[in-house]
N, C-alpha and C. Protein backbone atom coordinates (compact mmCIF):
# COMPACT_ATOMS: atom_id res chain seq x y z
N MET A 1 78.70 68.79 79.24
CA MET A 1 77.36 69.37 79.48
C MET A 1 77.41 70.54 78.57
N GLY A 2 76.43 70.68 77.61
CA GLY A 2 75.85 71.63 76.54
C GLY A 2 76.98 71.26 75.37
N SER A 3 76.84 72.81 74.74
CA SER A 3 77.37 72.51 72.97
C SER A 3 78.96 72.06 73.46
N GLY A 4 79.94 72.60 74.03
CA GLY A 4 81.25 72.95 73.95
C GLY A 4 81.57 73.77 73.25
N GLN A 5 80.22 74.84 72.42
CA GLN A 5 80.61 76.03 71.69
C GLN A 5 81.21 77.42 73.09
N GLN A 6 81.88 78.46 72.64
CA GLN A 6 82.31 79.22 73.39
C GLN A 6 81.04 80.04 74.25
N SER A 7 81.15 79.94 75.43
CA SER A 7 80.29 80.48 76.44
C SER A 7 80.01 82.45 76.08
N VAL A 8 78.92 82.74 76.15
CA VAL A 8 78.77 84.24 76.32
C VAL A 8 78.22 84.51 78.07
N THR A 9 78.88 85.15 78.18
CA THR A 9 78.73 85.71 79.79
C THR A 9 78.43 87.45 80.08
N GLY A 10 77.75 88.03 81.21
CA GLY A 10 77.41 89.21 81.19
C GLY A 10 78.57 89.65 82.46
N VAL A 11 78.63 90.79 82.53
CA VAL A 11 79.35 91.49 83.31
C VAL A 11 78.67 92.81 83.96
N MET A 12 79.19 93.17 85.17
CA MET A 12 78.62 94.38 85.65
C MET A 12 79.16 96.02 85.23
N THR A 13 80.20 95.67 84.68
CA THR A 13 80.97 96.99 84.57
C THR A 13 80.73 97.14 82.92
N ILE A 14 80.59 98.87 82.86
CA ILE A 14 80.24 98.99 81.40
C ILE A 14 81.20 99.21 80.37
N GLU A 15 82.52 99.23 81.04
CA GLU A 15 83.86 100.06 80.27
C GLU A 15 84.54 98.67 79.63
N ASP A 16 83.89 97.09 79.81
CA ASP A 16 84.76 96.05 79.27
C ASP A 16 84.57 95.93 77.47
N SER A 17 85.51 95.85 77.22
CA SER A 17 86.03 95.78 75.31
C SER A 17 84.99 94.88 75.47
N ASN A 18 85.15 93.54 76.13
CA ASN A 18 84.49 92.39 75.38
C ASN A 18 83.23 92.42 75.58
N SER A 19 82.13 93.42 75.78
CA SER A 19 80.95 93.73 75.49
C SER A 19 80.53 94.27 74.68
N TYR A 20 81.38 94.45 73.75
CA TYR A 20 80.73 95.16 72.17
C TYR A 20 80.37 93.94 71.33
N TRP A 21 79.10 94.43 70.62
CA TRP A 21 78.44 93.53 69.40
C TRP A 21 78.08 94.52 68.53
N SER A 22 78.50 93.73 67.22
CA SER A 22 77.72 94.76 66.29
C SER A 22 76.74 94.49 65.70
N VAL A 23 75.57 95.20 65.44
CA VAL A 23 74.37 94.81 64.52
C VAL A 23 74.60 94.61 63.57
N ARG A 24 74.08 93.45 62.89
CA ARG A 24 74.45 93.10 61.36
C ARG A 24 72.92 92.37 60.91
N GLY A 25 72.62 92.35 59.66
CA GLY A 25 71.75 91.90 59.22
C GLY A 25 71.75 90.22 58.71
N THR A 26 71.06 89.90 58.54
CA THR A 26 70.88 88.23 58.45
C THR A 26 71.01 87.95 57.32
N LEU A 27 70.83 86.30 57.24
CA LEU A 27 71.45 85.88 55.79
C LEU A 27 70.23 86.35 54.31
N GLU A 28 69.10 86.73 54.65
CA GLU A 28 67.96 87.09 54.04
C GLU A 28 67.80 88.56 54.07
N THR A 29 67.99 89.47 55.37
CA THR A 29 67.91 91.03 55.04
C THR A 29 69.19 91.75 55.47
N LEU A 30 69.38 92.40 54.66
CA LEU A 30 70.64 93.25 54.97
C LEU A 30 69.95 94.03 56.02
N CYS A 31 71.28 94.92 56.26
CA CYS A 31 71.14 95.73 57.65
C CYS A 31 72.25 97.09 57.35
N HIS A 32 71.36 97.95 56.48
CA HIS A 32 72.76 99.25 56.07
C HIS A 32 72.93 99.88 56.95
N ARG A 33 74.31 100.16 56.91
CA ARG A 33 74.94 100.91 58.15
C ARG A 33 74.31 102.33 58.08
N GLY A 34 73.89 102.76 59.30
CA GLY A 34 73.38 104.39 59.79
C GLY A 34 71.83 103.95 59.43
N THR A 35 71.14 103.34 58.67
CA THR A 35 69.85 102.90 59.05
C THR A 35 69.34 102.57 60.37
N PRO A 36 68.26 103.00 60.61
CA PRO A 36 67.98 102.51 62.01
C PRO A 36 67.16 101.27 62.03
N VAL A 37 67.30 100.48 62.91
CA VAL A 37 66.93 99.47 63.08
C VAL A 37 65.43 99.33 63.72
N LYS A 38 64.77 98.24 63.10
CA LYS A 38 62.87 98.56 62.99
C LYS A 38 62.56 97.72 64.32
N CYS A 39 61.74 97.77 65.07
CA CYS A 39 60.90 96.85 66.15
C CYS A 39 60.45 95.60 65.12
N GLY A 40 60.81 94.54 65.28
CA GLY A 40 60.44 93.55 64.85
C GLY A 40 61.78 92.93 63.76
N GLN A 41 62.68 93.99 63.55
CA GLN A 41 63.38 93.42 62.51
C GLN A 41 64.34 92.11 63.09
N ASP A 42 64.77 91.26 62.17
CA ASP A 42 65.58 90.22 62.47
C ASP A 42 67.08 90.64 62.63
N ILE A 43 67.98 90.47 62.92
CA ILE A 43 69.23 90.69 63.10
C ILE A 43 70.48 89.76 63.56
N ARG A 44 71.53 89.78 63.46
CA ARG A 44 72.67 88.93 64.08
C ARG A 44 73.47 90.14 64.57
N LEU A 45 73.70 89.39 66.04
CA LEU A 45 74.61 89.98 66.48
C LEU A 45 76.04 89.62 66.66
N THR A 46 76.99 90.30 66.24
CA THR A 46 78.54 89.80 66.26
C THR A 46 79.65 90.38 66.90
N HIS A 47 80.11 89.51 67.81
CA HIS A 47 81.17 89.90 69.12
C HIS A 47 81.89 90.61 68.52
N VAL A 48 82.76 91.82 68.66
CA VAL A 48 83.43 92.62 67.80
C VAL A 48 84.82 91.81 68.11
N ASN A 49 85.26 91.65 69.14
CA ASN A 49 86.78 91.07 69.68
C ASN A 49 86.87 89.86 68.91
N THR A 50 85.81 88.85 68.66
CA THR A 50 85.99 87.63 68.27
C THR A 50 85.29 87.25 66.68
N GLY A 51 84.47 88.23 66.41
CA GLY A 51 83.80 88.00 65.19
C GLY A 51 82.98 87.13 65.28
N ARG A 52 82.52 86.30 66.14
CA ARG A 52 81.40 85.26 66.50
C ARG A 52 80.00 85.72 66.66
N ASN A 53 79.19 85.13 66.20
CA ASN A 53 77.62 85.60 66.09
C ASN A 53 77.11 85.05 67.39
N LEU A 54 75.94 85.74 68.38
CA LEU A 54 75.04 85.65 69.13
C LEU A 54 74.51 84.02 68.61
N HIS A 55 74.50 83.18 69.37
CA HIS A 55 73.65 82.00 68.90
C HIS A 55 73.23 81.15 69.84
N SER A 56 72.02 80.75 69.49
CA SER A 56 71.14 79.31 70.36
C SER A 56 70.89 78.63 69.99
N HIS A 57 70.36 77.27 70.91
CA HIS A 57 70.14 76.37 70.00
C HIS A 57 69.37 75.53 71.46
N TYR A 58 68.95 74.20 70.94
CA TYR A 58 68.26 73.58 72.38
C TYR A 58 69.18 72.83 73.41
N PHE A 59 70.32 73.21 73.79
CA PHE A 59 71.29 72.52 74.62
C PHE A 59 70.83 73.57 75.59
N ALA A 60 70.99 72.85 77.27
CA ALA A 60 70.76 73.43 78.36
C ALA A 60 71.75 74.05 78.84
N SER A 61 71.76 75.00 79.17
CA SER A 61 73.11 76.27 79.68
C SER A 61 73.44 75.43 80.76
N PRO A 62 74.70 75.85 81.40
CA PRO A 62 75.62 74.90 82.10
C PRO A 62 75.28 75.24 83.42
N LEU A 63 74.41 76.43 84.02
CA LEU A 63 74.80 77.07 85.38
C LEU A 63 72.90 76.99 85.59
N SER A 64 71.94 77.40 85.26
CA SER A 64 70.70 77.48 85.17
C SER A 64 69.79 76.13 84.83
N SER A 65 70.63 75.74 83.70
CA SER A 65 69.57 74.63 82.69
C SER A 65 68.66 75.47 81.84
N ASN A 66 68.87 76.99 81.47
CA ASN A 66 68.02 77.27 80.49
C ASN A 66 68.60 76.99 79.46
N GLN A 67 68.46 77.93 78.50
CA GLN A 67 68.60 77.47 77.13
C GLN A 67 70.08 77.74 76.76
N GLU A 68 70.76 77.54 76.27
CA GLU A 68 72.34 77.77 75.57
C GLU A 68 72.41 78.98 75.32
N VAL A 69 73.43 79.83 75.63
CA VAL A 69 73.39 80.83 74.16
C VAL A 69 75.07 80.69 74.25
N SER A 70 75.54 80.77 72.84
CA SER A 70 76.94 80.77 72.72
C SER A 70 77.34 81.55 71.64
N ALA A 71 78.96 81.48 71.50
CA ALA A 71 79.03 82.54 70.28
C ALA A 71 79.63 81.70 69.11
N PHE A 72 79.24 81.65 68.12
CA PHE A 72 79.29 80.87 67.06
C PHE A 72 79.79 81.14 65.89
N GLY A 73 80.62 80.39 64.86
CA GLY A 73 80.83 81.07 63.33
C GLY A 73 82.17 81.57 63.65
N ASP A 74 82.70 81.85 62.47
CA ASP A 74 84.06 82.96 62.13
C ASP A 74 83.66 83.67 61.45
N ASP A 75 84.16 85.44 61.82
CA ASP A 75 84.49 86.42 60.98
C ASP A 75 82.99 86.60 60.67
N GLY A 76 81.93 86.29 61.38
CA GLY A 76 80.43 86.92 61.15
C GLY A 76 79.89 86.15 60.34
N GLU A 77 80.49 84.75 59.96
CA GLU A 77 79.76 83.81 59.42
C GLU A 77 78.78 82.92 60.28
N GLY A 78 78.01 82.54 60.38
CA GLY A 78 77.02 81.58 61.11
C GLY A 78 76.32 80.31 60.50
N ASP A 79 75.41 80.57 61.01
CA ASP A 79 73.97 80.02 60.49
C ASP A 79 72.77 80.28 61.06
N HIS A 80 71.55 79.90 60.67
CA HIS A 80 70.22 80.64 61.16
C HIS A 80 69.83 80.42 62.37
N LEU A 81 70.84 80.23 63.34
CA LEU A 81 70.59 79.89 64.76
C LEU A 81 71.43 81.04 65.43
N ASP A 82 71.68 82.10 64.56
CA ASP A 82 72.41 83.05 64.89
C ASP A 82 71.39 84.58 64.76
N GLU A 83 69.91 84.28 64.51
CA GLU A 83 69.24 85.24 63.99
C GLU A 83 68.39 85.60 65.45
N TRP A 84 68.22 86.62 65.44
CA TRP A 84 67.32 87.52 66.60
C TRP A 84 66.39 88.39 66.55
N THR A 85 65.11 88.30 66.96
CA THR A 85 64.18 89.77 66.52
C THR A 85 64.19 90.46 67.14
N VAL A 86 64.38 91.77 67.10
CA VAL A 86 64.15 93.26 67.89
C VAL A 86 62.80 93.27 68.50
N GLN A 87 62.51 93.23 69.52
CA GLN A 87 61.37 93.65 70.17
C GLN A 87 61.42 95.00 71.31
N CYS A 88 61.04 96.08 70.56
CA CYS A 88 60.63 97.31 71.33
C CYS A 88 59.64 97.89 71.19
N GLY A 89 59.35 99.20 71.93
CA GLY A 89 57.75 99.81 72.01
C GLY A 89 57.43 100.43 70.70
N GLY A 90 58.49 101.26 69.75
CA GLY A 90 57.97 101.92 68.72
C GLY A 90 57.94 101.10 67.45
N SER A 91 58.52 102.04 66.56
CA SER A 91 58.83 101.83 65.33
C SER A 91 60.16 101.52 64.78
N VAL A 92 61.26 102.24 65.67
CA VAL A 92 62.33 101.91 65.41
C VAL A 92 63.19 101.85 67.02
N TRP A 93 64.40 101.35 66.92
CA TRP A 93 65.16 100.94 68.23
C TRP A 93 65.75 101.93 68.61
N LYS A 94 65.72 102.75 69.59
CA LYS A 94 65.91 103.92 70.23
C LYS A 94 67.32 103.83 70.78
N ARG A 95 68.56 104.41 70.91
CA ARG A 95 69.59 104.29 71.42
C ARG A 95 69.34 103.83 73.27
N GLU A 96 68.59 105.17 73.49
CA GLU A 96 67.95 105.05 75.15
C GLU A 96 66.93 104.05 75.71
N GLU A 97 66.66 103.13 74.69
CA GLU A 97 65.24 102.33 75.35
C GLU A 97 65.69 101.12 75.31
N ALA A 98 65.59 100.16 76.54
CA ALA A 98 65.57 98.90 76.61
C ALA A 98 64.74 97.89 75.26
N VAL A 99 65.45 97.22 75.34
CA VAL A 99 64.68 96.30 74.12
C VAL A 99 64.70 94.61 74.55
N ARG A 100 64.26 93.64 73.83
CA ARG A 100 64.39 92.23 74.05
C ARG A 100 65.10 91.72 72.84
N PHE A 101 65.40 90.59 72.55
CA PHE A 101 65.79 90.00 71.78
C PHE A 101 65.32 88.53 71.75
N ARG A 102 64.44 87.93 70.81
CA ARG A 102 63.66 86.80 70.83
C ARG A 102 64.32 85.99 69.77
N HIS A 103 65.05 84.83 70.11
CA HIS A 103 65.64 83.82 69.10
C HIS A 103 64.72 83.68 68.48
N LYS A 104 64.86 83.97 66.95
CA LYS A 104 64.03 83.62 65.81
C LYS A 104 63.65 81.87 65.70
N PRO A 105 64.64 80.87 65.68
CA PRO A 105 64.48 79.55 65.53
C PRO A 105 63.71 79.27 66.69
N THR A 106 63.62 79.52 68.08
CA THR A 106 63.11 78.90 69.31
C THR A 106 62.47 79.72 70.04
N ASP A 107 62.00 81.08 69.66
CA ASP A 107 61.13 82.17 70.47
C ASP A 107 61.53 82.30 71.59
N ALA A 108 63.02 81.96 72.09
CA ALA A 108 63.19 82.12 73.39
C ALA A 108 64.05 83.84 73.41
N PHE A 109 64.14 84.33 74.76
CA PHE A 109 64.28 85.53 74.96
C PHE A 109 65.59 85.35 75.48
N LEU A 110 66.51 86.35 74.90
CA LEU A 110 68.04 86.71 75.39
C LEU A 110 67.97 87.03 76.81
N SER A 111 68.41 86.33 77.55
CA SER A 111 68.15 86.70 79.08
C SER A 111 69.88 86.63 80.35
N VAL A 112 69.60 87.12 81.33
CA VAL A 112 71.05 87.58 81.95
C VAL A 112 70.02 87.04 83.43
N THR A 113 70.49 86.24 84.31
CA THR A 113 69.82 86.38 85.26
C THR A 113 71.05 86.21 86.66
N GLY A 114 70.99 85.60 87.34
CA GLY A 114 72.09 86.09 88.89
C GLY A 114 73.19 84.98 88.87
N GLU A 115 72.80 84.12 87.93
CA GLU A 115 74.07 82.65 87.96
C GLU A 115 75.68 83.12 87.87
N GLN A 116 76.06 82.94 88.28
CA GLN A 116 77.76 83.32 88.27
C GLN A 116 78.68 82.04 88.11
N TYR A 117 79.66 82.51 87.01
CA TYR A 117 80.80 81.28 87.10
C TYR A 117 81.73 81.27 88.10
N GLY A 118 82.18 80.11 88.21
CA GLY A 118 83.41 80.11 89.32
C GLY A 118 84.66 80.23 88.31
N ARG A 119 85.56 79.53 88.82
CA ARG A 119 87.00 79.23 87.75
C ARG A 119 86.74 79.14 86.17
N PRO A 120 87.21 79.56 85.37
CA PRO A 120 88.45 80.63 85.37
C PRO A 120 87.81 82.03 85.11
N ILE A 121 86.26 82.09 85.24
CA ILE A 121 85.48 83.19 84.59
C ILE A 121 84.68 83.44 85.89
N ASN A 122 85.75 83.74 87.17
CA ASN A 122 84.72 84.22 88.41
C ASN A 122 83.98 85.96 88.44
N GLY A 123 82.52 85.29 88.73
CA GLY A 123 81.98 86.41 88.88
C GLY A 123 81.18 86.85 87.58
N GLN A 124 81.70 85.99 86.19
CA GLN A 124 80.61 86.51 85.16
C GLN A 124 79.61 85.93 85.27
N ARG A 125 78.32 86.73 84.55
CA ARG A 125 77.02 86.05 84.82
C ARG A 125 76.89 85.03 83.77
N GLU A 126 76.10 84.09 83.78
CA GLU A 126 75.60 83.31 82.63
C GLU A 126 74.59 83.96 81.77
N VAL A 127 74.89 84.17 80.52
CA VAL A 127 73.64 84.89 79.56
C VAL A 127 72.93 83.51 79.17
N HIS A 128 71.97 83.54 79.05
CA HIS A 128 71.29 82.38 78.45
C HIS A 128 69.53 82.82 77.61
N ALA A 129 68.77 81.63 77.36
CA ALA A 129 67.57 82.22 76.61
C ALA A 129 66.77 81.46 77.57
N MET A 130 65.65 82.25 77.95
CA MET A 130 64.41 81.68 78.34
C MET A 130 63.23 81.85 77.69
N ALA A 131 61.80 81.05 77.93
CA ALA A 131 60.69 81.21 77.02
C ALA A 131 60.21 82.26 77.16
N ASP A 132 59.89 82.69 78.46
CA ASP A 132 59.13 83.74 78.60
C ASP A 132 59.80 85.22 79.00
N PRO A 133 59.18 86.11 78.24
CA PRO A 133 60.00 87.68 78.63
C PRO A 133 60.03 87.96 80.04
N SER A 134 60.87 88.51 81.07
CA SER A 134 60.99 89.33 82.25
C SER A 134 61.81 90.67 82.15
N GLN A 135 61.98 90.71 83.41
CA GLN A 135 63.03 92.04 83.55
C GLN A 135 64.42 91.54 83.52
N HIS A 136 64.73 90.18 83.76
CA HIS A 136 65.95 89.54 83.17
C HIS A 136 66.51 89.70 81.35
N SER A 137 65.21 89.85 80.92
CA SER A 137 65.44 89.78 79.31
C SER A 137 65.59 91.32 78.85
N LEU A 138 65.30 92.34 79.20
CA LEU A 138 65.54 93.83 79.04
C LEU A 138 66.91 94.06 78.79
N TRP A 139 67.48 94.52 77.30
CA TRP A 139 68.81 94.69 77.27
C TRP A 139 68.77 96.42 76.82
N LYS A 140 69.88 97.22 77.45
CA LYS A 140 70.19 98.53 76.90
C LYS A 140 71.51 98.41 76.38
N ALA A 141 71.48 99.41 75.11
CA ALA A 141 73.11 100.00 74.80
C ALA A 141 73.35 101.14 75.93
N MET A 142 74.70 100.62 76.50
CA MET A 142 75.09 101.58 77.49
C MET A 142 76.25 102.25 77.21
N GLU A 143 76.84 102.28 75.71
CA GLU A 143 77.82 102.66 75.23
C GLU A 143 78.18 102.00 73.76
N GLY A 144 78.96 102.84 72.89
CA GLY A 144 78.94 102.29 71.65
C GLY A 144 79.19 103.14 70.41
N VAL A 145 79.50 102.56 69.41
CA VAL A 145 79.53 103.34 68.12
C VAL A 145 78.54 103.76 67.33
N PHE A 146 77.94 104.68 67.23
CA PHE A 146 76.85 105.05 66.42
C PHE A 146 77.46 105.20 64.95
N MET A 147 76.95 104.52 63.58
CA MET A 147 77.63 105.12 62.73
C MET A 147 76.47 105.90 61.63
N LYS A 148 77.93 106.84 60.78
CA LYS A 148 77.06 107.54 60.25
C LYS A 148 76.67 106.53 58.65
N PRO A 149 75.39 107.04 58.10
CA PRO A 149 75.10 106.11 56.73
C PRO A 149 76.40 106.55 55.29
N SER A 150 76.55 105.01 55.05
CA SER A 150 77.10 105.11 53.96
C SER A 150 76.64 105.95 52.68
N GLU A 151 75.50 105.85 52.73
CA GLU A 151 75.14 107.04 51.60
C GLU A 151 73.46 107.12 51.88
N ILE A 152 73.44 108.71 51.30
CA ILE A 152 72.08 109.12 51.86
C ILE A 152 71.11 108.41 50.72
N PRO A 153 69.95 108.20 50.88
CA PRO A 153 69.04 107.41 49.97
C PRO A 153 68.75 108.32 48.96
N THR A 154 68.90 108.27 47.49
CA THR A 154 68.37 109.04 46.72
C THR A 154 67.31 109.50 46.82
N GLY A 155 66.94 110.77 46.23
CA GLY A 155 65.65 111.58 46.53
C GLY A 155 65.18 111.94 47.82
N SER A 156 65.78 112.09 48.64
CA SER A 156 65.66 112.03 50.19
C SER A 156 66.48 113.16 50.42
N ARG A 157 65.33 114.00 51.17
CA ARG A 157 65.43 115.37 51.73
C ARG A 157 65.39 115.05 53.46
N ASP A 158 64.86 114.60 53.77
CA ASP A 158 64.50 114.48 55.27
C ASP A 158 65.45 113.57 56.08
N TYR A 159 66.37 113.98 56.39
CA TYR A 159 67.83 113.08 56.82
C TYR A 159 67.56 112.88 58.71
N SER A 160 66.52 113.43 59.33
CA SER A 160 66.21 113.35 60.52
C SER A 160 66.38 111.70 61.14
N HIS A 161 65.55 110.55 60.21
CA HIS A 161 65.61 109.09 60.50
C HIS A 161 66.83 108.68 60.62
N LEU A 162 67.96 109.40 60.05
CA LEU A 162 69.32 108.66 59.76
C LEU A 162 70.05 108.97 61.32
N HIS A 163 70.99 108.23 61.99
CA HIS A 163 71.74 108.22 62.95
C HIS A 163 73.10 109.25 62.21
N THR A 164 73.63 110.12 63.12
CA THR A 164 74.52 110.62 62.63
C THR A 164 75.67 110.72 63.76
N GLU A 165 75.52 110.33 64.99
CA GLU A 165 76.51 110.01 65.81
C GLU A 165 77.65 109.25 65.23
N PHE A 166 78.95 109.51 65.90
CA PHE A 166 79.74 108.53 65.94
C PHE A 166 81.05 108.92 66.96
């Protein structure tokens, strides 16, 4: 069942190093370090520990039979099925707000519900994509590393829009 690609699971603990994802640009749109991510912007999410991208396609997920979400590619290289659109309330994704990720090729929303795996990943929840947004498709950055910009834009004197935490 499924694609045979690496599963993506969710855990309840926030201090799990396997929960870290890096926000990256797509094949067509760059994402410069320190520049805020805009609502409506297309991104790729790359798993920090494995270098694989968050990926989806029309395979059924193993537990819920929703749309499968997997980890795909090597060293951040993948394909167009790794692209997600950030959906948020304002003009940019703010660290403290919940956002949704819509899979660009299939229009499904990244979600996690209550389905839990047994062995060998007992208690981990299935991450999948669903056709409609719900409370299960809201995501919030609980911790992370927020990078300083690599360069200040030429001629800019207003630096308030740039992330400076790290």
